[in-house]
Amino acid sequence: MIFNFRVICMARQPKTIVLPDLPQGQSALIARVDDGLTELLEIGFVPGVPVRPMHSGLGGDPRVYELEGTLVALRRTAARHIHVTLPDAGAREGD
């Protein structure tokens, strides 16, 4: 019997979640915004920009997000169209 085992190295895909699922105070990078939502791009939700949920209104809606020093309030229905990449748990800050 002959066994040929190949090790396939696949780049680890970063975990992405929708913006409302990001815990308060945790930073993430915007990965993408759903197609057709240019309004979100125009107010600063651009791929590659760091975003951090700050605080929210009563009942959790709307929620305030910090984008490059600017605070923007967004309802959950709109924030569901923004996908963010969580920072790598193994990476150290400053690297």
PDB file of N, CA and C in Angstrom:
ATOM      1  N   MET A   1       0.820  -1.173   0.000  1.00  0.00           N
ATOM      2  CA  MET A   1       0.000   0.000   0.000  1.00  0.00           C
ATOM      3  C   MET A   1       0.870   1.244   0.000  1.00  0.00           C
ATOM      4  N   ILE A   2       0.483   2.217  -0.777  1.00  0.00           N
ATOM      5  CA  ILE A   2       1.228   3.459  -0.850  1.00  0.00           C
ATOM      6  C   ILE A   2       0.293   4.591  -0.426  1.00  0.00           C
ATOM      7  N   PHE A   3       0.763   5.365   0.525  1.00  0.00           N
ATOM      8  CA  PHE A   3       0.011   6.521   0.985  1.00  0.00           C
ATOM      9  C   PHE A   3       0.798   7.776   0.641  1.00  0.00           C
ATOM     10  N   ASN A   4       0.187   8.644  -0.039  1.00  0.00           N
ATOM     11  CA  ASN A   4       0.794   9.939  -0.342  1.00  0.00           C
ATOM     12  C   ASN A   4       0.006  11.013   0.398  1.00  0.00           C
ATOM     13  N   PHE A   5       0.632  11.535   1.413  1.00  0.00           N
ATOM     14  CA  PHE A   5       0.004  12.593   2.184  1.00  0.00           C
ATOM     15  C   PHE A   5       0.676  13.911   1.860  1.00  0.00           C
ATOM     16  N   ARG A   6      -0.110  14.851   1.463  1.00  0.00           N
ATOM     17  CA  ARG A   6       0.405  16.185   1.191  1.00  0.00           C
ATOM     18  C   ARG A   6      -0.125  17.131   2.247  1.00  0.00           C
ATOM     19  N   VAL A   7       0.756  17.926   2.754  1.00  0.00           N
ATOM     20  CA  VAL A   7       0.334  18.948   3.705  1.00  0.00           C
ATOM     21  C   VAL A   7      -0.072  20.165   2.891  1.00  0.00           C
ATOM     22  N   ILE A   8      -1.290  20.532   3.061  1.00  0.00           N
ATOM     23  CA  ILE A   8      -1.800  21.687   2.341  1.00  0.00           C
ATOM     24  C   ILE A   8      -1.867  22.845   3.318  1.00  0.00           C
ATOM     25  N   CYS A   9      -1.095  23.846   3.027  1.00  0.00           N
ATOM     26  CA  CYS A   9      -1.088  25.038   3.874  1.00  0.00           C
ATOM     27  C   CYS A   9      -2.080  26.028   3.306  1.00  0.00           C
ATOM     28  N   MET A  10      -3.098  26.267   4.053  1.00  0.00           N
ATOM     29  CA  MET A  10      -4.103  27.240   3.637  1.00  0.00           C
ATOM     30  C   MET A  10      -3.989  28.454   4.540  1.00  0.00           C
ATOM     31  N   ALA A  11      -4.084  29.588   3.934  1.00  0.00           N
ATOM     32  CA  ALA A  11      -4.059  30.817   4.722  1.00  0.00           C
ATOM     33  C   ALA A  11      -5.300  30.839   5.604  1.00  0.00           C
ATOM     34  N   ARG A  12      -5.077  31.115   6.860  1.00  0.00           N
ATOM     35  CA  ARG A  12      -6.199  31.178   7.782  1.00  0.00           C
ATOM     36  C   ARG A  12      -7.045  32.394   7.478  1.00  0.00           C
ATOM     37  N   GLN A  13      -8.314  32.167   7.255  1.00  0.00           N
ATOM     38  CA  GLN A  13      -9.224  33.271   6.981  1.00  0.00           C
ATOM     39  C   GLN A  13      -9.609  33.937   8.298  1.00  0.00           C
ATOM     40  N   PRO A  14      -9.511  35.264   8.345  1.00  0.00           N
ATOM     41  CA  PRO A  14      -9.904  35.937   9.587  1.00  0.00           C
ATOM     42  C   PRO A  14     -11.402  35.784   9.819  1.00  0.00           C
ATOM     43  N   LYS A  15     -11.765  35.702  11.076  1.00  0.00           N
ATOM     44  CA  LYS A  15     -13.171  35.547  11.428  1.00  0.00           C
ATOM     45  C   LYS A  15     -13.893  36.875  11.225  1.00  0.00           C
ATOM     46  N   THR A  16     -15.000  36.823  10.504  1.00  0.00           N
ATOM     47  CA  THR A  16     -15.797  38.033  10.313  1.00  0.00           C
ATOM     48  C   THR A  16     -17.165  37.850  10.954  1.00  0.00           C
ATOM     49  N   ILE A  17     -17.675  38.940  11.482  1.00  0.00           N
ATOM     50  CA  ILE A  17     -19.011  38.960  12.074  1.00  0.00           C
ATOM     51  C   ILE A  17     -19.691  40.246  11.614  1.00  0.00           C
ATOM     52  N   VAL A  18     -20.987  40.337  11.829  1.00  0.00           N
ATOM     53  CA  VAL A  18     -21.677  41.591  11.514  1.00  0.00           C
ATOM     54  C   VAL A  18     -21.469  42.564  12.671  1.00  0.00           C
ATOM     55  N   LEU A  19     -21.493  43.826  12.360  1.00  0.00           N
ATOM     56  CA  LEU A  19     -21.159  44.877  13.325  1.00  0.00           C
ATOM     57  C   LEU A  19     -21.973  44.841  14.626  1.00  0.00           C
ATOM     58  N   PRO A  20     -23.289  44.576  14.599  1.00  0.00           N
ATOM     59  CA  PRO A  20     -24.025  44.560  15.870  1.00  0.00           C
ATOM     60  C   PRO A  20     -23.564  43.466  16.842  1.00  0.00           C
ATOM     61  N   ASP A  21     -22.887  42.423  16.345  1.00  0.00           N
ATOM     62  CA  ASP A  21     -22.414  41.342  17.208  1.00  0.00           C
ATOM     63  C   ASP A  21     -21.073  41.653  17.869  1.00  0.00           C
ATOM     64  N   LEU A  22     -20.451  42.758  17.506  1.00  0.00           N
ATOM     65  CA  LEU A  22     -19.171  43.151  18.095  1.00  0.00           C
ATOM     66  C   LEU A  22     -19.410  43.680  19.505  1.00  0.00           C
ATOM     67  N   PRO A  23     -18.722  43.111  20.509  1.00  0.00           N
ATOM     68  CA  PRO A  23     -18.938  43.556  21.891  1.00  0.00           C
ATOM     69  C   PRO A  23     -18.526  45.017  22.098  1.00  0.00           C
ATOM     70  N   GLN A  24     -19.208  45.676  23.001  1.00  0.00           N
ATOM     71  CA  GLN A  24     -18.926  47.079  23.298  1.00  0.00           C
ATOM     72  C   GLN A  24     -17.476  47.241  23.728  1.00  0.00           C
ATOM     73  N   GLY A  25     -16.791  48.216  23.136  1.00  0.00           N
ATOM     74  CA  GLY A  25     -15.416  48.518  23.495  1.00  0.00           C
ATOM     75  C   GLY A  25     -14.367  47.741  22.715  1.00  0.00           C
ATOM     76  N   GLN A  26     -14.743  46.680  21.995  1.00  0.00           N
ATOM     77  CA  GLN A  26     -13.767  45.888  21.245  1.00  0.00           C
ATOM     78  C   GLN A  26     -13.602  46.456  19.840  1.00  0.00           C
ATOM     79  N   SER A  27     -12.360  46.654  19.438  1.00  0.00           N
ATOM     80  CA  SER A  27     -12.078  47.186  18.108  1.00  0.00           C
ATOM     81  C   SER A  27     -12.027  46.074  17.080  1.00  0.00           C
ATOM     82  N   ALA A  28     -12.368  46.421  15.847  1.00  0.00           N
ATOM     83  CA  ALA A  28     -12.296  45.500  14.716  1.00  0.00           C
ATOM     84  C   ALA A  28     -12.079  46.332  13.461  1.00  0.00           C
ATOM     85  N   LEU A  29     -11.739  45.661  12.373  1.00  0.00           N
ATOM     86  CA  LEU A  29     -11.586  46.334  11.087  1.00  0.00           C
ATOM     87  C   LEU A  29     -12.790  46.038  10.213  1.00  0.00           C
ATOM     88  N   ILE A  30     -13.260  47.034   9.505  1.00  0.00           N
ATOM     89  CA  ILE A  30     -14.367  46.815   8.589  1.00  0.00           C
ATOM     90  C   ILE A  30     -13.848  45.973   7.428  1.00  0.00           C
ATOM     91  N   ALA A  31     -14.497  44.842   7.191  1.00  0.00           N
ATOM     92  CA  ALA A  31     -14.091  43.941   6.114  1.00  0.00           C
ATOM     93  C   ALA A  31     -14.824  44.268   4.822  1.00  0.00           C
ATOM     94  N   ARG A  32     -16.126  44.463   4.927  1.00  0.00           N
ATOM     95  CA  ARG A  32     -16.911  44.799   3.735  1.00  0.00           C
ATOM     96  C   ARG A  32     -18.271  45.344   4.148  1.00  0.00           C
ATOM     97  N   VAL A  33     -18.870  46.044   3.201  1.00  0.00           N
ATOM     98  CA  VAL A  33     -20.232  46.560   3.355  1.00  0.00           C
ATOM     99  C   VAL A  33     -21.046  45.944   2.234  1.00  0.00           C
ATOM    100  N   ASP A  34     -22.238  45.457   2.553  1.00  0.00           N
ATOM    101  CA  ASP A  34     -23.076  44.812   1.540  1.00  0.00           C
ATOM    102  C   ASP A  34     -23.286  45.734   0.339  1.00  0.00           C
ATOM    103  N   ASP A  35     -23.421  45.119  -0.834  1.00  0.00           N
ATOM    104  CA  ASP A  35     -23.595  45.860  -2.085  1.00  0.00           C
ATOM    105  C   ASP A  35     -24.821  46.767  -2.046  1.00  0.00           C
ATOM    106  N   GLY A  36     -24.683  47.903  -2.683  1.00  0.00           N
ATOM    107  CA  GLY A  36     -25.802  48.814  -2.825  1.00  0.00           C
ATOM    108  C   GLY A  36     -26.025  49.767  -1.666  1.00  0.00           C
ATOM    109  N   LEU A  37     -25.167  49.721  -0.666  1.00  0.00           N
ATOM    110  CA  LEU A  37     -25.357  50.584   0.512  1.00  0.00           C
ATOM    111  C   LEU A  37     -24.304  51.683   0.542  1.00  0.00           C
ATOM    112  N   THR A  38     -24.342  52.523  -0.466  1.00  0.00           N
ATOM    113  CA  THR A  38     -23.347  53.591  -0.585  1.00  0.00           C
ATOM    114  C   THR A  38     -23.463  54.620   0.537  1.00  0.00           C
ATOM    115  N   GLU A  39     -24.651  54.729   1.147  1.00  0.00           N
ATOM    116  CA  GLU A  39     -24.824  55.691   2.250  1.00  0.00           C
ATOM    117  C   GLU A  39     -23.883  55.358   3.401  1.00  0.00           C
ATOM    118  N   LEU A  40     -23.702  54.070   3.685  1.00  0.00           N
ATOM    119  CA  LEU A  40     -22.810  53.669   4.771  1.00  0.00           C
ATOM    120  C   LEU A  40     -21.359  53.984   4.430  1.00  0.00           C
ATOM    121  N   LEU A  41     -21.000  53.792   3.174  1.00  0.00           N
ATOM    122  CA  LEU A  41     -19.640  54.124   2.734  1.00  0.00           C
ATOM    123  C   LEU A  41     -19.397  55.632   2.839  1.00  0.00           C
ATOM    124  N   GLU A  42     -20.391  56.413   2.492  1.00  0.00           N
ATOM    125  CA  GLU A  42     -20.256  57.870   2.498  1.00  0.00           C
ATOM    126  C   GLU A  42     -20.082  58.453   3.895  1.00  0.00           C
ATOM    127  N   ILE A  43     -20.616  57.782   4.916  1.00  0.00           N
ATOM    128  CA  ILE A  43     -20.459  58.309   6.282  1.00  0.00           C
ATOM    129  C   ILE A  43     -19.245  57.723   7.003  1.00  0.00           C
ATOM    130  N   GLY A  44     -18.438  56.921   6.283  1.00  0.00           N
ATOM    131  CA  GLY A  44     -17.175  56.477   6.858  1.00  0.00           C
ATOM    132  C   GLY A  44     -17.002  54.997   7.079  1.00  0.00           C
ATOM    133  N   PHE A  45     -18.019  54.183   6.856  1.00  0.00           N
ATOM    134  CA  PHE A  45     -17.898  52.737   7.058  1.00  0.00           C
ATOM    135  C   PHE A  45     -17.270  52.112   5.810  1.00  0.00           C
ATOM    136  N   VAL A  46     -15.961  52.317   5.684  1.00  0.00           N
ATOM    137  CA  VAL A  46     -15.195  51.896   4.516  1.00  0.00           C
ATOM    138  C   VAL A  46     -14.313  50.713   4.904  1.00  0.00           C
ATOM    139  N   PRO A  47     -14.194  49.697   4.037  1.00  0.00           N
ATOM    140  CA  PRO A  47     -13.320  48.556   4.354  1.00  0.00           C
ATOM    141  C   PRO A  47     -11.901  49.006   4.708  1.00  0.00           C
ATOM    142  N   GLY A  48     -11.373  48.404   5.779  1.00  0.00           N
ATOM    143  CA  GLY A  48     -10.033  48.717   6.256  1.00  0.00           C
ATOM    144  C   GLY A  48      -9.996  49.713   7.393  1.00  0.00           C
ATOM    145  N   VAL A  49     -11.110  50.367   7.668  1.00  0.00           N
ATOM    146  CA  VAL A  49     -11.157  51.374   8.731  1.00  0.00           C
ATOM    147  C   VAL A  49     -11.464  50.684  10.068  1.00  0.00           C
ATOM    148  N   PRO A  50     -10.722  51.029  11.128  1.00  0.00           N
ATOM    149  CA  PRO A  50     -11.050  50.461  12.439  1.00  0.00           C
ATOM    150  C   PRO A  50     -12.352  51.044  12.985  1.00  0.00           C
ATOM    151  N   VAL A  51     -13.118  50.197  13.656  1.00  0.00           N
ATOM    152  CA  VAL A  51     -14.392  50.613  14.232  1.00  0.00           C
ATOM    153  C   VAL A  51     -14.496  50.029  15.639  1.00  0.00           C
ATOM    154  N   ARG A  52     -15.148  50.792  16.536  1.00  0.00           N
ATOM    155  CA  ARG A  52     -15.324  50.323  17.919  1.00  0.00           C
ATOM    156  C   ARG A  52     -16.681  50.761  18.435  1.00  0.00           C
ATOM    157  N   PRO A  53     -17.517  49.810  18.888  1.00  0.00           N
ATOM    158  CA  PRO A  53     -18.800  50.178  19.497  1.00  0.00           C
ATOM    159  C   PRO A  53     -18.556  50.869  20.835  1.00  0.00           C
ATOM    160  N   MET A  54     -19.220  51.989  21.039  1.00  0.00           N
ATOM    161  CA  MET A  54     -19.015  52.751  22.264  1.00  0.00           C
ATOM    162  C   MET A  54     -20.155  52.534  23.261  1.00  0.00           C
ATOM    163  N   HIS A  55     -21.316  53.050  22.968  1.00  0.00           N
ATOM    164  CA  HIS A  55     -22.466  52.917  23.863  1.00  0.00           C
ATOM    165  C   HIS A  55     -23.731  52.907  23.015  1.00  0.00           C
ATOM    166  N   SER A  56     -24.839  52.608  23.666  1.00  0.00           N
ATOM    167  CA  SER A  56     -26.093  52.527  22.908  1.00  0.00           C
ATOM    168  C   SER A  56     -27.228  53.173  23.693  1.00  0.00           C
ATOM    169  N   GLY A  57     -28.318  53.394  22.961  1.00  0.00           N
ATOM    170  CA  GLY A  57     -29.504  53.955  23.580  1.00  0.00           C
ATOM    171  C   GLY A  57     -30.223  52.889  24.397  1.00  0.00           C
ATOM    172  N   LEU A  58     -31.332  53.280  25.004  1.00  0.00           N
ATOM    173  CA  LEU A  58     -32.124  52.329  25.780  1.00  0.00           C
ATOM    174  C   LEU A  58     -32.568  51.180  24.884  1.00  0.00           C
ATOM    175  N   GLY A  59     -32.423  49.982  25.358  1.00  0.00           N
ATOM    176  CA  GLY A  59     -32.800  48.818  24.573  1.00  0.00           C
ATOM    177  C   GLY A  59     -31.745  48.414  23.556  1.00  0.00           C
ATOM    178  N   GLY A  60     -30.625  49.121  23.519  1.00  0.00           N
ATOM    179  CA  GLY A  60     -29.536  48.755  22.634  1.00  0.00           C
ATOM    180  C   GLY A  60     -29.598  49.335  21.233  1.00  0.00           C
ATOM    181  N   ASP A  61     -30.558  50.224  20.972  1.00  0.00           N
ATOM    182  CA  ASP A  61     -30.680  50.762  19.623  1.00  0.00           C
ATOM    183  C   ASP A  61     -31.031  52.238  19.687  1.00  0.00           C
ATOM    184  N   PRO A  62     -30.392  53.124  18.985  1.00  0.00           N
ATOM    185  CA  PRO A  62     -29.226  52.946  18.129  1.00  0.00           C
ATOM    186  C   PRO A  62     -27.963  52.784  18.957  1.00  0.00           C
ATOM    187  N   ARG A  63     -26.891  52.413  18.279  1.00  0.00           N
ATOM    188  CA  ARG A  63     -25.605  52.214  18.922  1.00  0.00           C
ATOM    189  C   ARG A  63     -24.612  53.214  18.334  1.00  0.00           C
ATOM    190  N   VAL A  64     -23.732  53.711  19.182  1.00  0.00           N
ATOM    191  CA  VAL A  64     -22.724  54.680  18.747  1.00  0.00           C
ATOM    192  C   VAL A  64     -21.425  53.934  18.463  1.00  0.00           C
ATOM    193  N   TYR A  65     -20.842  54.217  17.293  1.00  0.00           N
ATOM    194  CA  TYR A  65     -19.582  53.593  16.880  1.00  0.00           C
ATOM    195  C   TYR A  65     -18.540  54.682  16.682  1.00  0.00           C
ATOM    196  N   GLU A  66     -17.290  54.367  17.039  1.00  0.00           N
ATOM    197  CA  GLU A  66     -16.188  55.292  16.820  1.00  0.00           C
ATOM    198  C   GLU A  66     -15.440  54.865  15.559  1.00  0.00           C
ATOM    199  N   LEU A  67     -15.330  55.795  14.615  1.00  0.00           N
ATOM    200  CA  LEU A  67     -14.610  55.589  13.359  1.00  0.00           C
ATOM    201  C   LEU A  67     -13.573  56.683  13.225  1.00  0.00           C
ATOM    202  N   GLU A  68     -12.309  56.347  13.415  1.00  0.00           N
ATOM    203  CA  GLU A  68     -11.218  57.309  13.260  1.00  0.00           C
ATOM    204  C   GLU A  68     -11.477  58.617  13.999  1.00  0.00           C
ATOM    205  N   GLY A  69     -11.925  58.515  15.247  1.00  0.00           N
ATOM    206  CA  GLY A  69     -12.151  59.689  16.074  1.00  0.00           C
ATOM    207  C   GLY A  69     -13.515  60.337  15.926  1.00  0.00           C
ATOM    208  N   THR A  70     -14.336  59.835  15.012  1.00  0.00           N
ATOM    209  CA  THR A  70     -15.676  60.369  14.806  1.00  0.00           C
ATOM    210  C   THR A  70     -16.702  59.412  15.389  1.00  0.00           C
ATOM    211  N   LEU A  71     -17.713  59.936  16.062  1.00  0.00           N
ATOM    212  CA  LEU A  71     -18.774  59.107  16.615  1.00  0.00           C
ATOM    213  C   LEU A  71     -19.970  59.125  15.676  1.00  0.00           C
ATOM    214  N   VAL A  72     -20.463  57.931  15.340  1.00  0.00           N
ATOM    215  CA  VAL A  72     -21.592  57.791  14.428  1.00  0.00           C
ATOM    216  C   VAL A  72     -22.623  56.874  15.070  1.00  0.00           C
ATOM    217  N   ALA A  73     -23.891  57.317  15.118  1.00  0.00           N
ATOM    218  CA  ALA A  73     -24.975  56.484  15.646  1.00  0.00           C
ATOM    219  C   ALA A  73     -25.614  55.732  14.484  1.00  0.00           C
ATOM    220  N   LEU A  74     -25.847  54.432  14.702  1.00  0.00           N
ATOM    221  CA  LEU A  74     -26.388  53.587  13.643  1.00  0.00           C
ATOM    222  C   LEU A  74     -27.358  52.584  14.246  1.00  0.00           C
ATOM    223  N   ARG A  75     -28.497  52.403  13.618  1.00  0.00           N
ATOM    224  CA  ARG A  75     -29.459  51.397  14.073  1.00  0.00           C
ATOM    225  C   ARG A  75     -28.969  50.002  13.690  1.00  0.00           C
ATOM    226  N   ARG A  76     -29.418  48.996  14.440  1.00  0.00           N
ATOM    227  CA  ARG A  76     -29.007  47.611  14.186  1.00  0.00           C
ATOM    228  C   ARG A  76     -29.368  47.142  12.777  1.00  0.00           C
ATOM    229  N   THR A  77     -30.502  47.583  12.268  1.00  0.00           N
ATOM    230  CA  THR A  77     -30.913  47.145  10.927  1.00  0.00           C
ATOM    231  C   THR A  77     -29.913  47.590   9.875  1.00  0.00           C
ATOM    232  N   ALA A  78     -29.324  48.758  10.036  1.00  0.00           N
ATOM    233  CA  ALA A  78     -28.302  49.236   9.095  1.00  0.00           C
ATOM    234  C   ALA A  78     -26.953  48.590   9.391  1.00  0.00           C
ATOM    235  N   ALA A  79     -26.623  48.436  10.673  1.00  0.00           N
ATOM    236  CA  ALA A  79     -25.320  47.879  11.060  1.00  0.00           C
ATOM    237  C   ALA A  79     -25.168  46.420  10.646  1.00  0.00           C
ATOM    238  N   ARG A  80     -26.269  45.701  10.434  1.00  0.00           N
ATOM    239  CA  ARG A  80     -26.189  44.297  10.014  1.00  0.00           C
ATOM    240  C   ARG A  80     -25.571  44.131   8.629  1.00  0.00           C
ATOM    241  N   HIS A  81     -25.497  45.205   7.875  1.00  0.00           N
ATOM    242  CA  HIS A  81     -24.932  45.152   6.529  1.00  0.00           C
ATOM    243  C   HIS A  81     -23.428  45.425   6.509  1.00  0.00           C
ATOM    244  N   ILE A  82     -22.856  45.642   7.693  1.00  0.00           N
ATOM    245  CA  ILE A  82     -21.422  45.910   7.806  1.00  0.00           C
ATOM    246  C   ILE A  82     -20.761  44.689   8.441  1.00  0.00           C
ATOM    247  N   HIS A  83     -19.764  44.138   7.761  1.00  0.00           N
ATOM    248  CA  HIS A  83     -19.045  42.958   8.239  1.00  0.00           C
ATOM    249  C   HIS A  83     -17.664  43.394   8.705  1.00  0.00           C
ATOM    250  N   VAL A  84     -17.279  42.927   9.894  1.00  0.00           N
ATOM    251  CA  VAL A  84     -15.996  43.322  10.470  1.00  0.00           C
ATOM    252  C   VAL A  84     -15.131  42.097  10.724  1.00  0.00           C
ATOM    253  N   THR A  85     -13.824  42.329  10.721  1.00  0.00           N
ATOM    254  CA  THR A  85     -12.847  41.291  10.986  1.00  0.00           C
ATOM    255  C   THR A  85     -12.319  41.471  12.395  1.00  0.00           C
ATOM    256  N   LEU A  86     -12.395  40.416  13.173  1.00  0.00           N
ATOM    257  CA  LEU A  86     -11.883  40.466  14.536  1.00  0.00           C
ATOM    258  C   LEU A  86     -10.368  40.404  14.523  1.00  0.00           C
ATOM    259  N   PRO A  87      -9.726  41.070  15.478  1.00  0.00           N
ATOM    260  CA  PRO A  87      -8.267  40.989  15.542  1.00  0.00           C
ATOM    261  C   PRO A  87      -7.836  39.569  15.893  1.00  0.00           C
ATOM    262  N   ASP A  88      -6.682  39.170  15.392  1.00  0.00           N
ATOM    263  CA  ASP A  88      -6.150  37.835  15.654  1.00  0.00           C
ATOM    264  C   ASP A  88      -5.813  37.717  17.134  1.00  0.00           C
ATOM    265  N   ALA A  89      -6.365  36.704  17.784  1.00  0.00           N
ATOM    266  CA  ALA A  89      -6.152  36.508  19.221  1.00  0.00           C
ATOM    267  C   ALA A  89      -4.694  36.221  19.536  1.00  0.00           C
ATOM    268  N   GLY A  90      -3.955  35.638  18.591  1.00  0.00           N
ATOM    269  CA  GLY A  90      -2.551  35.303  18.818  1.00  0.00           C
ATOM    270  C   GLY A  90      -1.609  36.455  18.577  1.00  0.00           C
ATOM    271  N   ALA A  91      -2.088  37.502  17.944  1.00  0.00           N
ATOM    272  CA  ALA A  91      -1.215  38.642  17.631  1.00  0.00           C
ATOM    273  C   ALA A  91      -1.059  39.518  18.857  1.00  0.00           C
ATOM    274  N   ARG A  92       0.157  40.042  19.015  1.00  0.00           N
ATOM    275  CA  ARG A  92       0.408  40.958  20.112  1.00  0.00           C
ATOM    276  C   ARG A  92       0.285  42.374  19.600  1.00  0.00           C
ATOM    277  N   GLU A  93      -0.191  43.256  20.465  1.00  0.00           N
ATOM    278  CA  GLU A  93      -0.302  44.657  20.060  1.00  0.00           C
ATOM    279  C   GLU A  93       1.082  45.222  19.885  1.00  0.00           C
ATOM    280  N   GLY A  94       1.225  46.087  18.892  1.00  0.00           N
ATOM    281  CA  GLY A  94       2.505  46.722  18.630  1.00  0.00           C
ATOM    282  C   GLY A  94       3.341  45.956  17.621  1.00  0.00           C
ATOM    283  N   ASP A  95       2.913  44.787  17.182  1.00  0.00           N
ATOM    284  CA  ASP A  95       3.661  44.020  16.177  1.00  0.00           C
ATOM    285  C   ASP A  95       3.314  44.472  14.784  1.00  0.00           C
TER     286      ASP A  95
END
